[in-house]
Structures are given as C-alpha cells and as structure tokens.
N, C-alpha and C. Protein backbone atom coordinates (compact mmCIF):
# COMPACT_ATOMS: atom_id res chain seq x y z
N MET A 1 0.84 -1.19 0.00
CA MET A 1 0.00 0.00 0.00
C MET A 1 0.87 1.24 0.00
N ASN A 2 0.37 2.29 -0.60
CA ASN A 2 1.19 3.48 -0.74
C ASN A 2 0.87 4.56 0.28
N GLY A 3 -0.06 4.33 1.17
CA GLY A 3 -0.36 5.32 2.20
C GLY A 3 -1.39 6.35 1.79
N ASP A 4 -1.84 6.35 0.54
CA ASP A 4 -2.81 7.32 0.06
C ASP A 4 -4.22 6.73 0.02
N THR A 5 -4.58 5.94 1.01
CA THR A 5 -5.86 5.24 0.97
C THR A 5 -7.06 6.16 1.16
N ASP A 6 -6.87 7.36 1.70
CA ASP A 6 -8.01 8.25 1.91
C ASP A 6 -8.26 9.19 0.73
N LYS A 7 -7.46 9.13 -0.31
CA LYS A 7 -7.64 9.99 -1.48
C LYS A 7 -8.39 9.22 -2.56
N THR A 8 -9.16 9.93 -3.35
CA THR A 8 -9.87 9.29 -4.45
C THR A 8 -9.16 9.61 -5.75
N SER A 9 -9.26 8.71 -6.70
CA SER A 9 -8.69 8.97 -8.01
C SER A 9 -9.57 9.97 -8.74
N PRO A 10 -9.07 10.63 -9.77
CA PRO A 10 -9.86 11.66 -10.47
C PRO A 10 -11.19 11.14 -11.01
N GLY A 11 -11.29 9.87 -11.38
CA GLY A 11 -12.53 9.33 -11.92
C GLY A 11 -13.39 8.63 -10.89
N ASP A 12 -13.02 8.70 -9.63
CA ASP A 12 -13.73 7.98 -8.57
C ASP A 12 -14.64 8.95 -7.82
N PHE A 13 -15.96 8.87 -8.12
CA PHE A 13 -16.91 9.77 -7.48
C PHE A 13 -17.96 8.95 -6.75
N PRO A 14 -18.54 9.48 -5.69
CA PRO A 14 -19.61 8.75 -5.01
C PRO A 14 -20.84 8.63 -5.89
N THR A 15 -21.63 7.60 -5.65
CA THR A 15 -22.86 7.39 -6.41
C THR A 15 -23.88 8.46 -6.02
N PRO A 16 -24.50 9.13 -6.98
CA PRO A 16 -25.50 10.16 -6.66
C PRO A 16 -26.70 9.55 -5.92
N ASP A 17 -27.28 10.32 -5.02
CA ASP A 17 -28.40 9.85 -4.22
C ASP A 17 -29.57 9.35 -5.06
N ASN A 18 -29.81 9.98 -6.22
CA ASN A 18 -30.96 9.57 -7.02
C ASN A 18 -30.77 8.20 -7.64
N LEU A 19 -29.55 7.64 -7.60
CA LEU A 19 -29.31 6.31 -8.12
C LEU A 19 -29.30 5.25 -7.02
N LEU A 20 -29.22 5.68 -5.78
CA LEU A 20 -29.21 4.75 -4.66
C LEU A 20 -30.64 4.45 -4.24
N HIS A 21 -30.94 3.20 -4.00
CA HIS A 21 -32.26 2.83 -3.51
C HIS A 21 -32.18 1.48 -2.81
N ALA A 22 -33.13 1.25 -1.97
CA ALA A 22 -33.24 -0.03 -1.28
C ALA A 22 -34.72 -0.32 -1.08
N GLY A 23 -35.03 -1.56 -0.92
CA GLY A 23 -36.42 -1.92 -0.74
C GLY A 23 -37.16 -1.88 -2.05
N SER A 24 -38.46 -1.88 -1.96
CA SER A 24 -39.28 -1.96 -3.17
C SER A 24 -40.08 -0.69 -3.39
N GLU A 25 -39.46 0.46 -3.14
CA GLU A 25 -40.20 1.70 -3.33
C GLU A 25 -40.56 1.97 -4.78
N GLY A 26 -39.86 1.36 -5.69
CA GLY A 26 -40.16 1.51 -7.11
C GLY A 26 -40.76 0.23 -7.67
N GLU A 27 -40.96 0.24 -8.96
CA GLU A 27 -41.47 -0.97 -9.62
C GLU A 27 -40.38 -2.04 -9.65
N PHE A 28 -40.79 -3.29 -9.58
CA PHE A 28 -39.84 -4.38 -9.70
C PHE A 28 -40.50 -5.51 -10.48
N SER A 29 -39.66 -6.38 -11.00
CA SER A 29 -40.15 -7.45 -11.86
C SER A 29 -39.89 -8.81 -11.22
N ALA A 30 -40.43 -9.83 -11.87
CA ALA A 30 -40.17 -11.20 -11.42
C ALA A 30 -38.67 -11.50 -11.47
N GLU A 31 -37.99 -10.96 -12.47
CA GLU A 31 -36.55 -11.16 -12.58
C GLU A 31 -35.83 -10.55 -11.37
N ASP A 32 -36.26 -9.37 -10.94
CA ASP A 32 -35.67 -8.74 -9.76
C ASP A 32 -35.85 -9.62 -8.53
N LEU A 33 -37.04 -10.19 -8.40
CA LEU A 33 -37.34 -11.03 -7.25
C LEU A 33 -36.49 -12.30 -7.26
N VAL A 34 -36.32 -12.91 -8.42
CA VAL A 34 -35.48 -14.10 -8.52
C VAL A 34 -34.05 -13.75 -8.14
N LEU A 35 -33.52 -12.65 -8.65
CA LEU A 35 -32.15 -12.25 -8.32
C LEU A 35 -31.99 -11.94 -6.84
N ALA A 36 -32.96 -11.25 -6.25
CA ALA A 36 -32.88 -10.91 -4.83
C ALA A 36 -32.93 -12.16 -3.96
N SER A 37 -33.58 -13.21 -4.44
CA SER A 37 -33.68 -14.45 -3.66
C SER A 37 -32.43 -15.30 -3.78
N GLY A 38 -31.54 -14.97 -4.72
CA GLY A 38 -30.32 -15.74 -4.90
C GLY A 38 -30.52 -16.98 -5.75
N ARG A 39 -31.68 -17.10 -6.37
CA ARG A 39 -31.97 -18.26 -7.22
C ARG A 39 -31.45 -18.02 -8.63
N ASP A 40 -31.32 -19.12 -9.37
CA ASP A 40 -30.95 -19.04 -10.77
C ASP A 40 -32.14 -18.56 -11.58
N MET A 41 -31.87 -17.89 -12.68
CA MET A 41 -32.91 -17.38 -13.56
C MET A 41 -33.40 -18.52 -14.46
N THR A 42 -34.42 -19.22 -14.01
CA THR A 42 -35.00 -20.32 -14.78
C THR A 42 -36.49 -20.06 -14.94
N PRO A 43 -37.13 -20.72 -15.91
CA PRO A 43 -38.58 -20.54 -16.06
C PRO A 43 -39.35 -20.91 -14.78
N GLN A 44 -38.89 -21.94 -14.09
CA GLN A 44 -39.56 -22.35 -12.85
C GLN A 44 -39.44 -21.28 -11.77
N ASN A 45 -38.26 -20.68 -11.65
CA ASN A 45 -38.07 -19.63 -10.63
C ASN A 45 -38.81 -18.35 -11.01
N LEU A 46 -38.90 -18.06 -12.29
CA LEU A 46 -39.69 -16.90 -12.71
C LEU A 46 -41.16 -17.11 -12.39
N ALA A 47 -41.65 -18.33 -12.60
CA ALA A 47 -43.04 -18.64 -12.26
C ALA A 47 -43.25 -18.51 -10.75
N TRP A 48 -42.29 -18.99 -9.96
CA TRP A 48 -42.36 -18.85 -8.50
C TRP A 48 -42.44 -17.37 -8.12
N ALA A 49 -41.60 -16.54 -8.73
CA ALA A 49 -41.57 -15.12 -8.42
C ALA A 49 -42.88 -14.44 -8.80
N GLU A 50 -43.44 -14.80 -9.94
CA GLU A 50 -44.71 -14.21 -10.35
C GLU A 50 -45.83 -14.59 -9.40
N ARG A 51 -45.85 -15.85 -8.94
CA ARG A 51 -46.86 -16.27 -7.95
C ARG A 51 -46.68 -15.50 -6.65
N ARG A 52 -45.44 -15.39 -6.21
CA ARG A 52 -45.16 -14.69 -4.95
C ARG A 52 -45.56 -13.22 -5.04
N MET A 53 -45.27 -12.58 -6.19
CA MET A 53 -45.65 -11.18 -6.38
C MET A 53 -47.17 -11.03 -6.37
N ALA A 54 -47.87 -11.99 -6.97
CA ALA A 54 -49.34 -11.93 -6.99
C ALA A 54 -49.92 -12.10 -5.59
N GLU A 55 -49.29 -12.94 -4.78
CA GLU A 55 -49.78 -13.21 -3.42
C GLU A 55 -49.43 -12.10 -2.43
N LYS A 56 -48.21 -11.60 -2.50
CA LYS A 56 -47.71 -10.71 -1.46
C LYS A 56 -47.45 -9.27 -1.91
N GLY A 57 -47.46 -9.02 -3.20
CA GLY A 57 -47.19 -7.67 -3.69
C GLY A 57 -45.79 -7.21 -3.34
N ARG A 58 -45.68 -5.95 -2.92
CA ARG A 58 -44.37 -5.37 -2.59
C ARG A 58 -43.66 -6.11 -1.46
N ALA A 59 -44.41 -6.71 -0.57
CA ALA A 59 -43.81 -7.44 0.55
C ALA A 59 -42.96 -8.60 0.06
N SER A 60 -43.25 -9.11 -1.14
CA SER A 60 -42.47 -10.23 -1.65
C SER A 60 -41.00 -9.86 -1.81
N LEU A 61 -40.72 -8.64 -2.19
CA LEU A 61 -39.33 -8.19 -2.31
C LEU A 61 -38.79 -7.68 -0.98
N ASP A 62 -39.60 -6.96 -0.22
CA ASP A 62 -39.16 -6.43 1.07
C ASP A 62 -38.70 -7.54 2.00
N GLU A 63 -39.35 -8.69 1.95
CA GLU A 63 -38.96 -9.81 2.83
C GLU A 63 -37.58 -10.35 2.49
N LEU A 64 -37.11 -10.15 1.29
CA LEU A 64 -35.82 -10.69 0.87
C LEU A 64 -34.67 -9.71 1.06
N LEU A 65 -34.97 -8.43 1.13
CA LEU A 65 -33.93 -7.41 1.22
C LEU A 65 -33.63 -7.08 2.67
N PRO A 66 -32.36 -6.75 2.95
CA PRO A 66 -32.00 -6.40 4.34
C PRO A 66 -32.58 -5.07 4.75
C-alpha cells in the first residue's frame, strides 16, 4: 500500500443519491425477485416469483432485502 488510501482517483466519485435505492419503493419485476432471492434465472423460478408477487405484492421483495 502506498499510504494514500483516503484519497480518491480523479474518476472515482460517489454514487448520486438519485441512483441509490433499497427496498421496493419503485417498480420491480419477477426477474428482480429471482435475483434478490439468490436463485438461478430459470422458467420455474420466474413462475415462482410471479406467484409470490401476486400473493404478497411489494412485501415479496421487502422480505428478501436487508
């Protein structure tokens, strides 16, 4: 290490607030739910996600996110 760990490189900027989000405050898809669950993207898992979204709505994603 070179001792300059607290400096940022010229192209290293923090992520703008409007790009940061958590939870399901916006729209989400069955694909998002499958990815959040850690499952593989398969037709069976997409069907599972669609059923879960139909049953639980936004809570289906909120239950999976920290």
